[in-house]
Amino acid sequence: MVIMVLTLSYLEGVSQEQIDILPHALKRETIRKEWIYNCILEGEISGVLKQRENRLRIYYKHPIKADNYDLVIIIDVIKGSTNV
């Protein structure tokens, strides 16, 4: 749990310019780039699963769907980089 807290601390103070959204994240027409930015920069995390070293699956409340829907964002934290 300590590692997860440290990794999530990387998200504090991150700017939009430090976030790289890979093309496959936007393959679905129902996902908007601004939602991803808004969730990471301002959203309240509703759940976290550690997938592997420095990779997290972070659950946010979906910006337009009902309460029982999540927007799931996979984040790789690259040590020594300014990109998250």
PDB file of N, CA and C in Angstrom:
ATOM      1  N   MET A   1       0.819  -1.200   0.000  1.00  0.00           N
ATOM      2  CA  MET A   1       0.000   0.000   0.000  1.00  0.00           C
ATOM      3  C   MET A   1       0.856   1.255   0.000  1.00  0.00           C
ATOM      4  N   VAL A   2       1.979   1.216   0.637  1.00  0.00           N
ATOM      5  CA  VAL A   2       2.852   2.386   0.677  1.00  0.00           C
ATOM      6  C   VAL A   2       3.315   2.746  -0.728  1.00  0.00           C
ATOM      7  N   ILE A   3       3.663   1.765  -1.542  1.00  0.00           N
ATOM      8  CA  ILE A   3       4.111   2.020  -2.911  1.00  0.00           C
ATOM      9  C   ILE A   3       3.005   2.705  -3.704  1.00  0.00           C
ATOM     10  N   MET A   4       1.768   2.256  -3.534  1.00  0.00           N
ATOM     11  CA  MET A   4       0.652   2.852  -4.260  1.00  0.00           C
ATOM     12  C   MET A   4       0.483   4.314  -3.870  1.00  0.00           C
ATOM     13  N   VAL A   5       0.591   4.638  -2.599  1.00  0.00           N
ATOM     14  CA  VAL A   5       0.453   6.011  -2.145  1.00  0.00           C
ATOM     15  C   VAL A   5       1.559   6.867  -2.743  1.00  0.00           C
ATOM     16  N   LEU A   6       2.784   6.357  -2.754  1.00  0.00           N
ATOM     17  CA  LEU A   6       3.892   7.102  -3.336  1.00  0.00           C
ATOM     18  C   LEU A   6       3.683   7.317  -4.830  1.00  0.00           C
ATOM     19  N   THR A   7       3.203   6.293  -5.524  1.00  0.00           N
ATOM     20  CA  THR A   7       2.980   6.414  -6.960  1.00  0.00           C
ATOM     21  C   THR A   7       1.868   7.408  -7.244  1.00  0.00           C
ATOM     22  N   LEU A   8       0.788   7.367  -6.486  1.00  0.00           N
ATOM     23  CA  LEU A   8      -0.301   8.316  -6.689  1.00  0.00           C
ATOM     24  C   LEU A   8       0.140   9.742  -6.387  1.00  0.00           C
ATOM     25  N   SER A   9       1.136   9.915  -5.541  1.00  0.00           N
ATOM     26  CA  SER A   9       1.617  11.265  -5.249  1.00  0.00           C
ATOM     27  C   SER A   9       2.215  11.921  -6.494  1.00  0.00           C
ATOM     28  N   TYR A  10       2.650  11.128  -7.478  1.00  0.00           N
ATOM     29  CA  TYR A  10       3.132  11.690  -8.734  1.00  0.00           C
ATOM     30  C   TYR A  10       2.042  12.493  -9.446  1.00  0.00           C
ATOM     31  N   LEU A  11       0.795  12.157  -9.212  1.00  0.00           N
ATOM     32  CA  LEU A  11      -0.300  12.847  -9.882  1.00  0.00           C
ATOM     33  C   LEU A  11      -0.568  14.233  -9.292  1.00  0.00           C
ATOM     34  N   GLU A  12      -0.112  14.467  -8.062  1.00  0.00           N
ATOM     35  CA  GLU A  12      -0.312  15.776  -7.440  1.00  0.00           C
ATOM     36  C   GLU A  12       0.563  16.798  -8.149  1.00  0.00           C
ATOM     37  N   GLY A  13      -0.050  17.844  -8.629  1.00  0.00           N
ATOM     38  CA  GLY A  13       0.701  18.907  -9.263  1.00  0.00           C
ATOM     39  C   GLY A  13       1.107  18.632 -10.703  1.00  0.00           C
ATOM     40  N   VAL A  14       0.665  17.515 -11.271  1.00  0.00           N
ATOM     41  CA  VAL A  14       0.991  17.226 -12.669  1.00  0.00           C
ATOM     42  C   VAL A  14       0.199  18.172 -13.569  1.00  0.00           C
ATOM     43  N   SER A  15       0.778  18.549 -14.689  1.00  0.00           N
ATOM     44  CA  SER A  15       0.085  19.431 -15.627  1.00  0.00           C
ATOM     45  C   SER A  15      -0.360  18.633 -16.857  1.00  0.00           C
ATOM     46  N   GLN A  16      -1.239  19.219 -17.622  1.00  0.00           N
ATOM     47  CA  GLN A  16      -1.748  18.554 -18.824  1.00  0.00           C
ATOM     48  C   GLN A  16      -0.605  18.251 -19.796  1.00  0.00           C
ATOM     49  N   GLU A  17       0.396  19.110 -19.847  1.00  0.00           N
ATOM     50  CA  GLU A  17       1.521  18.904 -20.752  1.00  0.00           C
ATOM     51  C   GLU A  17       2.360  17.688 -20.367  1.00  0.00           C
ATOM     52  N   GLN A  18       2.261  17.235 -19.127  1.00  0.00           N
ATOM     53  CA  GLN A  18       3.028  16.079 -18.665  1.00  0.00           C
ATOM     54  C   GLN A  18       2.292  14.766 -18.894  1.00  0.00           C
ATOM     55  N   ILE A  19       1.079  14.827 -19.389  1.00  0.00           N
ATOM     56  CA  ILE A  19       0.266  13.627 -19.598  1.00  0.00           C
ATOM     57  C   ILE A  19       0.292  13.251 -21.072  1.00  0.00           C
ATOM     58  N   ASP A  20       0.746  12.045 -21.353  1.00  0.00           N
ATOM     59  CA  ASP A  20       0.731  11.522 -22.722  1.00  0.00           C
ATOM     60  C   ASP A  20      -0.430  10.550 -22.850  1.00  0.00           C
ATOM     61  N   ILE A  21      -1.382  10.885 -23.707  1.00  0.00           N
ATOM     62  CA  ILE A  21      -2.504   9.983 -23.965  1.00  0.00           C
ATOM     63  C   ILE A  21      -2.179   9.238 -25.249  1.00  0.00           C
ATOM     64  N   LEU A  22      -2.050   7.928 -25.128  1.00  0.00           N
ATOM     65  CA  LEU A  22      -1.707   7.113 -26.290  1.00  0.00           C
ATOM     66  C   LEU A  22      -2.918   6.937 -27.197  1.00  0.00           C
ATOM     67  N   PRO A  23      -2.696   6.786 -28.501  1.00  0.00           N
ATOM     68  CA  PRO A  23      -3.804   6.713 -29.469  1.00  0.00           C
ATOM     69  C   PRO A  23      -4.848   5.631 -29.161  1.00  0.00           C
ATOM     70  N   HIS A  24      -4.414   4.488 -28.639  1.00  0.00           N
ATOM     71  CA  HIS A  24      -5.397   3.424 -28.385  1.00  0.00           C
ATOM     72  C   HIS A  24      -6.393   3.806 -27.285  1.00  0.00           C
ATOM     73  N   ALA A  25      -6.065   4.798 -26.465  1.00  0.00           N
ATOM     74  CA  ALA A  25      -6.987   5.240 -25.418  1.00  0.00           C
ATOM     75  C   ALA A  25      -8.212   5.929 -25.998  1.00  0.00           C
ATOM     76  N   LEU A  26      -8.100   6.398 -27.229  1.00  0.00           N
ATOM     77  CA  LEU A  26      -9.192   7.152 -27.842  1.00  0.00           C
ATOM     78  C   LEU A  26      -9.851   6.401 -28.993  1.00  0.00           C
ATOM     79  N   LYS A  27      -9.622   5.093 -29.095  1.00  0.00           N
ATOM     80  CA  LYS A  27     -10.220   4.312 -30.183  1.00  0.00           C
ATOM     81  C   LYS A  27     -11.742   4.286 -30.112  1.00  0.00           C
ATOM     82  N   ARG A  28     -12.260   4.267 -28.896  1.00  0.00           N
ATOM     83  CA  ARG A  28     -13.716   4.280 -28.753  1.00  0.00           C
ATOM     84  C   ARG A  28     -14.239   5.693 -28.944  1.00  0.00           C
ATOM     85  N   GLU A  29     -15.271   5.824 -29.698  1.00  0.00           N
ATOM     86  CA  GLU A  29     -15.870   7.144 -29.939  1.00  0.00           C
ATOM     87  C   GLU A  29     -16.527   7.707 -28.685  1.00  0.00           C
ATOM     88  N   THR A  30     -16.752   6.845 -27.698  1.00  0.00           N
ATOM     89  CA  THR A  30     -17.428   7.281 -26.476  1.00  0.00           C
ATOM     90  C   THR A  30     -16.467   7.842 -25.432  1.00  0.00           C
ATOM     91  N   ILE A  31     -15.173   7.881 -25.732  1.00  0.00           N
ATOM     92  CA  ILE A  31     -14.176   8.427 -24.807  1.00  0.00           C
ATOM     93  C   ILE A  31     -13.653   9.741 -25.377  1.00  0.00           C
ATOM     94  N   ARG A  32     -13.623  10.748 -24.552  1.00  0.00           N
ATOM     95  CA  ARG A  32     -13.131  12.059 -24.987  1.00  0.00           C
ATOM     96  C   ARG A  32     -11.834  12.395 -24.258  1.00  0.00           C
ATOM     97  N   LYS A  33     -10.909  12.963 -24.988  1.00  0.00           N
ATOM     98  CA  LYS A  33      -9.598  13.321 -24.442  1.00  0.00           C
ATOM     99  C   LYS A  33      -9.725  14.246 -23.228  1.00  0.00           C
ATOM    100  N   GLU A  34     -10.634  15.204 -23.302  1.00  0.00           N
ATOM    101  CA  GLU A  34     -10.783  16.150 -22.192  1.00  0.00           C
ATOM    102  C   GLU A  34     -11.263  15.459 -20.913  1.00  0.00           C
ATOM    103  N   TRP A  35     -12.034  14.375 -21.038  1.00  0.00           N
ATOM    104  CA  TRP A  35     -12.456  13.621 -19.863  1.00  0.00           C
ATOM    105  C   TRP A  35     -11.241  13.025 -19.158  1.00  0.00           C
ATOM    106  N   ILE A  36     -10.320  12.486 -19.942  1.00  0.00           N
ATOM    107  CA  ILE A  36      -9.120  11.878 -19.364  1.00  0.00           C
ATOM    108  C   ILE A  36      -8.315  12.934 -18.617  1.00  0.00           C
ATOM    109  N   TYR A  37      -8.089  14.059 -19.278  1.00  0.00           N
ATOM    110  CA  TYR A  37      -7.351  15.144 -18.615  1.00  0.00           C
ATOM    111  C   TYR A  37      -8.061  15.602 -17.345  1.00  0.00           C
ATOM    112  N   ASN A  38      -9.369  15.841 -17.435  1.00  0.00           N
ATOM    113  CA  ASN A  38     -10.124  16.331 -16.274  1.00  0.00           C
ATOM    114  C   ASN A  38     -10.085  15.351 -15.113  1.00  0.00           C
ATOM    115  N   CYS A  39     -10.217  14.066 -15.405  1.00  0.00           N
ATOM    116  CA  CYS A  39     -10.180  13.070 -14.336  1.00  0.00           C
ATOM    117  C   CYS A  39      -8.820  13.062 -13.649  1.00  0.00           C
ATOM    118  N   ILE A  40      -7.758  13.012 -14.435  1.00  0.00           N
ATOM    119  CA  ILE A  40      -6.414  12.944 -13.849  1.00  0.00           C
ATOM    120  C   ILE A  40      -6.079  14.224 -13.084  1.00  0.00           C
ATOM    121  N   LEU A  41      -6.438  15.367 -13.636  1.00  0.00           N
ATOM    122  CA  LEU A  41      -6.047  16.634 -13.030  1.00  0.00           C
ATOM    123  C   LEU A  41      -6.957  17.087 -11.895  1.00  0.00           C
ATOM    124  N   GLU A  42      -8.263  16.766 -11.982  1.00  0.00           N
ATOM    125  CA  GLU A  42      -9.207  17.311 -11.017  1.00  0.00           C
ATOM    126  C   GLU A  42     -10.151  16.277 -10.408  1.00  0.00           C
ATOM    127  N   GLY A  43     -10.207  15.089 -10.992  1.00  0.00           N
ATOM    128  CA  GLY A  43     -11.195  14.107 -10.580  1.00  0.00           C
ATOM    129  C   GLY A  43     -10.903  13.451  -9.242  1.00  0.00           C
ATOM    130  N   GLU A  44     -11.962  12.979  -8.638  1.00  0.00           N
ATOM    131  CA  GLU A  44     -11.845  12.244  -7.386  1.00  0.00           C
ATOM    132  C   GLU A  44     -11.736  10.760  -7.704  1.00  0.00           C
ATOM    133  N   ILE A  45     -10.698  10.138  -7.207  1.00  0.00           N
ATOM    134  CA  ILE A  45     -10.454   8.713  -7.463  1.00  0.00           C
ATOM    135  C   ILE A  45     -11.444   7.895  -6.657  1.00  0.00           C
ATOM    136  N   SER A  46     -12.118   6.948  -7.329  1.00  0.00           N
ATOM    137  CA  SER A  46     -13.055   6.086  -6.618  1.00  0.00           C
ATOM    138  C   SER A  46     -12.486   4.685  -6.383  1.00  0.00           C
ATOM    139  N   GLY A  47     -11.366   4.369  -7.013  1.00  0.00           N
ATOM    140  CA  GLY A  47     -10.726   3.074  -6.780  1.00  0.00           C
ATOM    141  C   GLY A  47      -9.402   2.975  -7.510  1.00  0.00           C
ATOM    142  N   VAL A  48      -8.532   2.104  -6.993  1.00  0.00           N
ATOM    143  CA  VAL A  48      -7.210   1.915  -7.595  1.00  0.00           C
ATOM    144  C   VAL A  48      -6.844   0.438  -7.511  1.00  0.00           C
ATOM    145  N   LEU A  49      -6.337  -0.089  -8.626  1.00  0.00           N
ATOM    146  CA  LEU A  49      -5.760  -1.432  -8.645  1.00  0.00           C
ATOM    147  C   LEU A  49      -4.349  -1.327  -9.192  1.00  0.00           C
ATOM    148  N   LYS A  50      -3.416  -1.933  -8.503  1.00  0.00           N
ATOM    149  CA  LYS A  50      -2.050  -1.958  -9.007  1.00  0.00           C
ATOM    150  C   LYS A  50      -1.934  -3.128  -9.967  1.00  0.00           C
ATOM    151  N   GLN A  51      -1.592  -2.865 -11.218  1.00  0.00           N
ATOM    152  CA  GLN A  51      -1.485  -3.917 -12.215  1.00  0.00           C
ATOM    153  C   GLN A  51      -0.089  -4.531 -12.225  1.00  0.00           C
ATOM    154  N   ARG A  52       0.916  -3.689 -12.075  1.00  0.00           N
ATOM    155  CA  ARG A  52       2.306  -4.134 -11.966  1.00  0.00           C
ATOM    156  C   ARG A  52       3.141  -2.943 -11.521  1.00  0.00           C
ATOM    157  N   GLU A  53       4.431  -3.132 -11.433  1.00  0.00           N
ATOM    158  CA  GLU A  53       5.326  -2.058 -10.997  1.00  0.00           C
ATOM    159  C   GLU A  53       5.075  -0.802 -11.826  1.00  0.00           C
ATOM    160  N   ASN A  54       4.709   0.277 -11.177  1.00  0.00           N
ATOM    161  CA  ASN A  54       4.498   1.588 -11.808  1.00  0.00           C
ATOM    162  C   ASN A  54       3.334   1.638 -12.803  1.00  0.00           C
ATOM    163  N   ARG A  55       2.430   0.674 -12.766  1.00  0.00           N
ATOM    164  CA  ARG A  55       1.219   0.740 -13.596  1.00  0.00           C
ATOM    165  C   ARG A  55       0.006   0.587 -12.689  1.00  0.00           C
ATOM    166  N   LEU A  56      -0.889   1.575 -12.799  1.00  0.00           N
ATOM    167  CA  LEU A  56      -2.090   1.579 -11.977  1.00  0.00           C
ATOM    168  C   LEU A  56      -3.328   1.666 -12.848  1.00  0.00           C
ATOM    169  N   ARG A  57      -4.363   0.990 -12.423  1.00  0.00           N
ATOM    170  CA  ARG A  57      -5.687   1.117 -13.028  1.00  0.00           C
ATOM    171  C   ARG A  57      -6.489   1.978 -12.062  1.00  0.00           C
ATOM    172  N   ILE A  58      -6.826   3.187 -12.502  1.00  0.00           N
ATOM    173  CA  ILE A  58      -7.494   4.135 -11.621  1.00  0.00           C
ATOM    174  C   ILE A  58      -8.932   4.336 -12.094  1.00  0.00           C
ATOM    175  N   TYR A  59      -9.845   4.224 -11.142  1.00  0.00           N
ATOM    176  CA  TYR A  59     -11.274   4.349 -11.428  1.00  0.00           C
ATOM    177  C   TYR A  59     -11.764   5.731 -11.006  1.00  0.00           C
ATOM    178  N   TYR A  60     -12.439   6.385 -11.936  1.00  0.00           N
ATOM    179  CA  TYR A  60     -13.072   7.672 -11.679  1.00  0.00           C
ATOM    180  C   TYR A  60     -14.553   7.538 -12.005  1.00  0.00           C
ATOM    181  N   LYS A  61     -15.381   8.373 -11.366  1.00  0.00           N
ATOM    182  CA  LYS A  61     -16.794   8.420 -11.719  1.00  0.00           C
ATOM    183  C   LYS A  61     -16.895   8.890 -13.168  1.00  0.00           C
ATOM    184  N   HIS A  62     -17.708   8.210 -13.953  1.00  0.00           N
ATOM    185  CA  HIS A  62     -17.863   8.582 -15.359  1.00  0.00           C
ATOM    186  C   HIS A  62     -18.460   9.981 -15.450  1.00  0.00           C
ATOM    187  N   PRO A  63     -17.895  10.827 -16.325  1.00  0.00           N
ATOM    188  CA  PRO A  63     -18.342  12.221 -16.376  1.00  0.00           C
ATOM    189  C   PRO A  63     -19.783  12.442 -16.830  1.00  0.00           C
ATOM    190  N   ILE A  64     -20.365  11.511 -17.602  1.00  0.00           N
ATOM    191  CA  ILE A  64     -21.737  11.759 -18.070  1.00  0.00           C
ATOM    192  C   ILE A  64     -22.707  10.615 -17.798  1.00  0.00           C
ATOM    193  N   LYS A  65     -22.205   9.436 -17.478  1.00  0.00           N
ATOM    194  CA  LYS A  65     -23.105   8.301 -17.245  1.00  0.00           C
ATOM    195  C   LYS A  65     -23.540   8.237 -15.786  1.00  0.00           C
ATOM    196  N   ALA A  66     -24.455   7.334 -15.523  1.00  0.00           N
ATOM    197  CA  ALA A  66     -25.015   7.173 -14.180  1.00  0.00           C
ATOM    198  C   ALA A  66     -23.939   6.783 -13.166  1.00  0.00           C
ATOM    199  N   ASP A  67     -24.300   6.869 -11.897  1.00  0.00           N
ATOM    200  CA  ASP A  67     -23.358   6.610 -10.804  1.00  0.00           C
ATOM    201  C   ASP A  67     -22.723   5.223 -10.837  1.00  0.00           C
ATOM    202  N   ASN A  68     -23.378   4.255 -11.442  1.00  0.00           N
ATOM    203  CA  ASN A  68     -22.822   2.901 -11.440  1.00  0.00           C
ATOM    204  C   ASN A  68     -21.844   2.662 -12.599  1.00  0.00           C
ATOM    205  N   TYR A  69     -21.431   3.707 -13.301  1.00  0.00           N
ATOM    206  CA  TYR A  69     -20.448   3.604 -14.385  1.00  0.00           C
ATOM    207  C   TYR A  69     -19.162   4.307 -13.976  1.00  0.00           C
ATOM    208  N   ASP A  70     -18.039   3.703 -14.368  1.00  0.00           N
ATOM    209  CA  ASP A  70     -16.728   4.288 -14.103  1.00  0.00           C
ATOM    210  C   ASP A  70     -16.031   4.612 -15.409  1.00  0.00           C
ATOM    211  N   LEU A  71     -15.114   5.554 -15.330  1.00  0.00           N
ATOM    212  CA  LEU A  71     -14.155   5.777 -16.395  1.00  0.00           C
ATOM    213  C   LEU A  71     -12.838   5.256 -15.844  1.00  0.00           C
ATOM    214  N   VAL A  72     -12.284   4.242 -16.482  1.00  0.00           N
ATOM    215  CA  VAL A  72     -11.072   3.594 -15.999  1.00  0.00           C
ATOM    216  C   VAL A  72      -9.892   4.093 -16.823  1.00  0.00           C
ATOM    217  N   ILE A  73      -8.876   4.579 -16.133  1.00  0.00           N
ATOM    218  CA  ILE A  73      -7.688   5.106 -16.794  1.00  0.00           C
ATOM    219  C   ILE A  73      -6.477   4.322 -16.293  1.00  0.00           C
ATOM    220  N   ILE A  74      -5.707   3.800 -17.227  1.00  0.00           N
ATOM    221  CA  ILE A  74      -4.479   3.082 -16.893  1.00  0.00           C
ATOM    222  C   ILE A  74      -3.336   4.084 -16.956  1.00  0.00           C
ATOM    223  N   ILE A  75      -2.575   4.145 -15.873  1.00  0.00           N
ATOM    224  CA  ILE A  75      -1.484   5.112 -15.794  1.00  0.00           C
ATOM    225  C   ILE A  75      -0.174   4.373 -15.563  1.00  0.00           C
ATOM    226  N   ASP A  76       0.805   4.670 -16.410  1.00  0.00           N
ATOM    227  CA  ASP A  76       2.181   4.208 -16.209  1.00  0.00           C
ATOM    228  C   ASP A  76       2.978   5.394 -15.688  1.00  0.00           C
ATOM    229  N   VAL A  77       3.643   5.210 -14.573  1.00  0.00           N
ATOM    230  CA  VAL A  77       4.504   6.244 -14.019  1.00  0.00           C
ATOM    231  C   VAL A  77       5.927   5.907 -14.431  1.00  0.00           C
ATOM    232  N   ILE A  78       6.542   6.826 -15.159  1.00  0.00           N
ATOM    233  CA  ILE A  78       7.897   6.618 -15.642  1.00  0.00           C
ATOM    234  C   ILE A  78       8.844   7.401 -14.734  1.00  0.00           C
ATOM    235  N   LYS A  79       9.658   6.671 -13.978  1.00  0.00           N
ATOM    236  CA  LYS A  79      10.589   7.306 -13.037  1.00  0.00           C
ATOM    237  C   LYS A  79      11.643   8.096 -13.815  1.00  0.00           C
ATOM    238  N   GLY A  80      11.969   9.243 -13.265  1.00  0.00           N
ATOM    239  CA  GLY A  80      12.993  10.065 -13.880  1.00  0.00           C
ATOM    240  C   GLY A  80      12.506  10.842 -15.089  1.00  0.00           C
ATOM    241  N   SER A  81      11.220  10.840 -15.306  1.00  0.00           N
ATOM    242  CA  SER A  81      10.629  11.533 -16.446  1.00  0.00           C
ATOM    243  C   SER A  81       9.677  12.593 -15.952  1.00  0.00           C
ATOM    244  N   THR A  82       9.410  13.578 -16.781  1.00  0.00           N
ATOM    245  CA  THR A  82       8.407  14.578 -16.437  1.00  0.00           C
ATOM    246  C   THR A  82       7.046  14.169 -16.936  1.00  0.00           C
ATOM    247  N   ASN A  83       6.950  13.051 -17.676  1.00  0.00           N
ATOM    248  CA  ASN A  83       5.668  12.573 -18.195  1.00  0.00           C
ATOM    249  C   ASN A  83       5.081  11.546 -17.258  1.00  0.00           C
ATOM    250  N   VAL A  84       3.769  11.596 -17.078  1.00  0.00           N
ATOM    251  CA  VAL A  84       3.059  10.606 -16.271  1.00  0.00           C
ATOM    252  C   VAL A  84       2.194   9.807 -17.201  1.00  0.00           C
TER     253      VAL A  84
END
